[in-house]
Amino acid sequence: MVLYYDSLLDSWYHELRMASHDKTLQAIFERPTRSDIKWRDIEALLAHLGAVITPGNGSRVRIALSGTKAVLHRPHPRKEASKGCVESVRTFLENAGVERDV
């Protein structure tokens, strides 16, 4: 019974995370561009998609996905990415072949 409960809990958690990534992806592709997307949600989505994320100097972060590379800046002092940052992430994802309906 414990194994069933653990696998049920794992399945529920996985579905919750997938829904969260889907919401973040939809928010990134929304027009007009949003400025209320948390950077940690963007990084979590990128990691979920298989991107390699490495820190750079200061607030810079290097991202590589499907042969596409970008250098972005983590927002500070706010937690939310600016419209310009969201647009850069959108362009990066498009260049990497990620579609809105993933």
Protein backbone atom coordinates (compact mmCIF):
# COMPACT_ATOMS: atom_id res chain seq x y z
CA MET A 1 0.00 0.00 0.00
CA VAL A 2 2.85 2.39 0.74
CA LEU A 3 4.33 1.88 -2.74
CA TYR A 4 0.98 2.68 -4.32
CA TYR A 5 0.69 5.86 -2.24
CA ASP A 6 4.25 6.94 -3.09
CA SER A 7 3.75 6.35 -6.81
CA LEU A 8 0.41 8.18 -6.69
CA LEU A 9 2.04 11.10 -4.91
CA ASP A 10 4.93 11.13 -7.41
CA SER A 11 2.48 11.07 -10.30
CA TRP A 12 0.47 13.92 -8.80
CA TYR A 13 3.61 15.99 -8.22
CA HIS A 14 4.83 15.33 -11.77
CA GLU A 15 1.47 16.44 -13.22
CA LEU A 16 1.55 19.57 -11.08
CA ARG A 17 5.05 20.46 -12.30
CA MET A 18 4.09 19.80 -15.93
CA ALA A 19 1.08 22.10 -15.59
CA SER A 20 3.33 24.75 -14.08
CA HIS A 21 5.80 24.51 -16.98
CA ASP A 22 2.94 24.69 -19.48
CA LYS A 23 1.62 27.85 -17.82
CA THR A 24 5.07 29.44 -17.90
CA LEU A 25 5.53 28.56 -21.58
CA GLN A 26 2.12 30.00 -22.44
CA ALA A 27 2.91 33.17 -20.47
CA ILE A 28 6.22 33.63 -22.33
CA PHE A 29 4.47 33.43 -25.72
CA GLU A 30 1.56 35.71 -24.75
CA ARG A 31 1.07 39.01 -26.57
CA PRO A 32 1.30 41.69 -25.33
CA THR A 33 4.47 40.65 -23.55
CA ARG A 34 4.02 40.08 -19.82
CA SER A 35 6.27 41.47 -17.11
CA ASP A 36 5.02 39.33 -14.22
CA ILE A 37 6.73 36.01 -14.97
CA LYS A 38 9.08 34.93 -12.20
CA TRP A 39 12.63 34.26 -13.35
CA ARG A 40 12.84 31.04 -11.32
CA ASP A 41 9.83 29.72 -13.29
CA ILE A 42 11.58 30.56 -16.56
CA GLU A 43 14.77 28.79 -15.42
CA ALA A 44 12.74 25.76 -14.27
CA LEU A 45 11.03 25.59 -17.68
CA LEU A 46 14.36 25.84 -19.50
CA ALA A 47 15.84 23.05 -17.34
CA HIS A 48 12.74 20.93 -17.96
CA LEU A 49 13.20 21.39 -21.72
CA GLY A 50 16.79 20.13 -21.37
CA ALA A 51 18.65 23.44 -21.53
CA VAL A 52 22.14 23.67 -20.05
CA ILE A 53 22.23 26.70 -17.76
CA THR A 54 25.55 28.02 -16.50
CA PRO A 55 26.26 31.17 -14.50
CA GLY A 56 28.23 33.97 -16.08
CA ASN A 57 29.67 37.16 -14.63
CA GLY A 58 27.37 39.10 -12.34
CA SER A 59 23.74 38.49 -13.17
CA ARG A 60 24.48 36.90 -16.54
CA VAL A 61 23.42 33.35 -17.26
CA ARG A 62 24.41 31.29 -20.30
CA ILE A 63 21.78 29.01 -21.78
CA ALA A 64 22.18 26.34 -24.46
CA LEU A 65 19.33 24.32 -25.95
CA SER A 66 19.23 22.33 -29.20
CA GLY A 67 22.35 24.01 -30.53
CA THR A 68 21.02 27.50 -29.77
CA LYS A 69 22.88 29.64 -27.27
CA ALA A 70 21.99 32.84 -25.44
CA VAL A 71 23.27 35.02 -22.64
CA LEU A 72 20.53 36.51 -20.50
CA HIS A 73 20.50 38.60 -17.34
CA ARG A 74 18.76 37.49 -14.18
CA PRO A 75 16.51 40.28 -12.98
CA HIS A 76 17.46 42.16 -9.86
CA PRO A 77 16.30 43.37 -7.41
CA ARG A 78 12.91 42.14 -8.66
CA LYS A 79 12.04 38.46 -9.00
CA GLU A 80 10.04 38.97 -12.19
CA ALA A 81 11.61 39.15 -15.63
CA SER A 82 11.19 42.41 -17.53
CA LYS A 83 9.31 42.55 -20.82
CA GLY A 84 12.61 42.76 -22.69
CA CYS A 85 13.92 39.67 -20.92
CA VAL A 86 10.71 37.74 -21.65
CA GLU A 87 10.98 38.74 -25.32
CA SER A 88 14.59 37.51 -25.37
CA VAL A 89 13.55 34.19 -23.83
CA ARG A 90 10.71 33.90 -26.38
CA THR A 91 13.12 34.51 -29.27
CA PHE A 92 15.60 32.01 -27.81
CA LEU A 93 12.91 29.35 -27.49
CA GLU A 94 11.67 29.97 -31.04
CA ASN A 95 15.24 29.69 -32.39
CA ALA A 96 15.68 26.44 -30.42
CA GLY A 97 12.55 25.01 -32.05
CA VAL A 98 10.27 25.18 -29.02
CA GLU A 99 6.66 25.83 -29.99
CA ARG A 100 3.91 27.36 -27.93
CA ASP A 101 1.86 24.15 -27.83
CA VAL A 102 4.58 21.98 -26.29
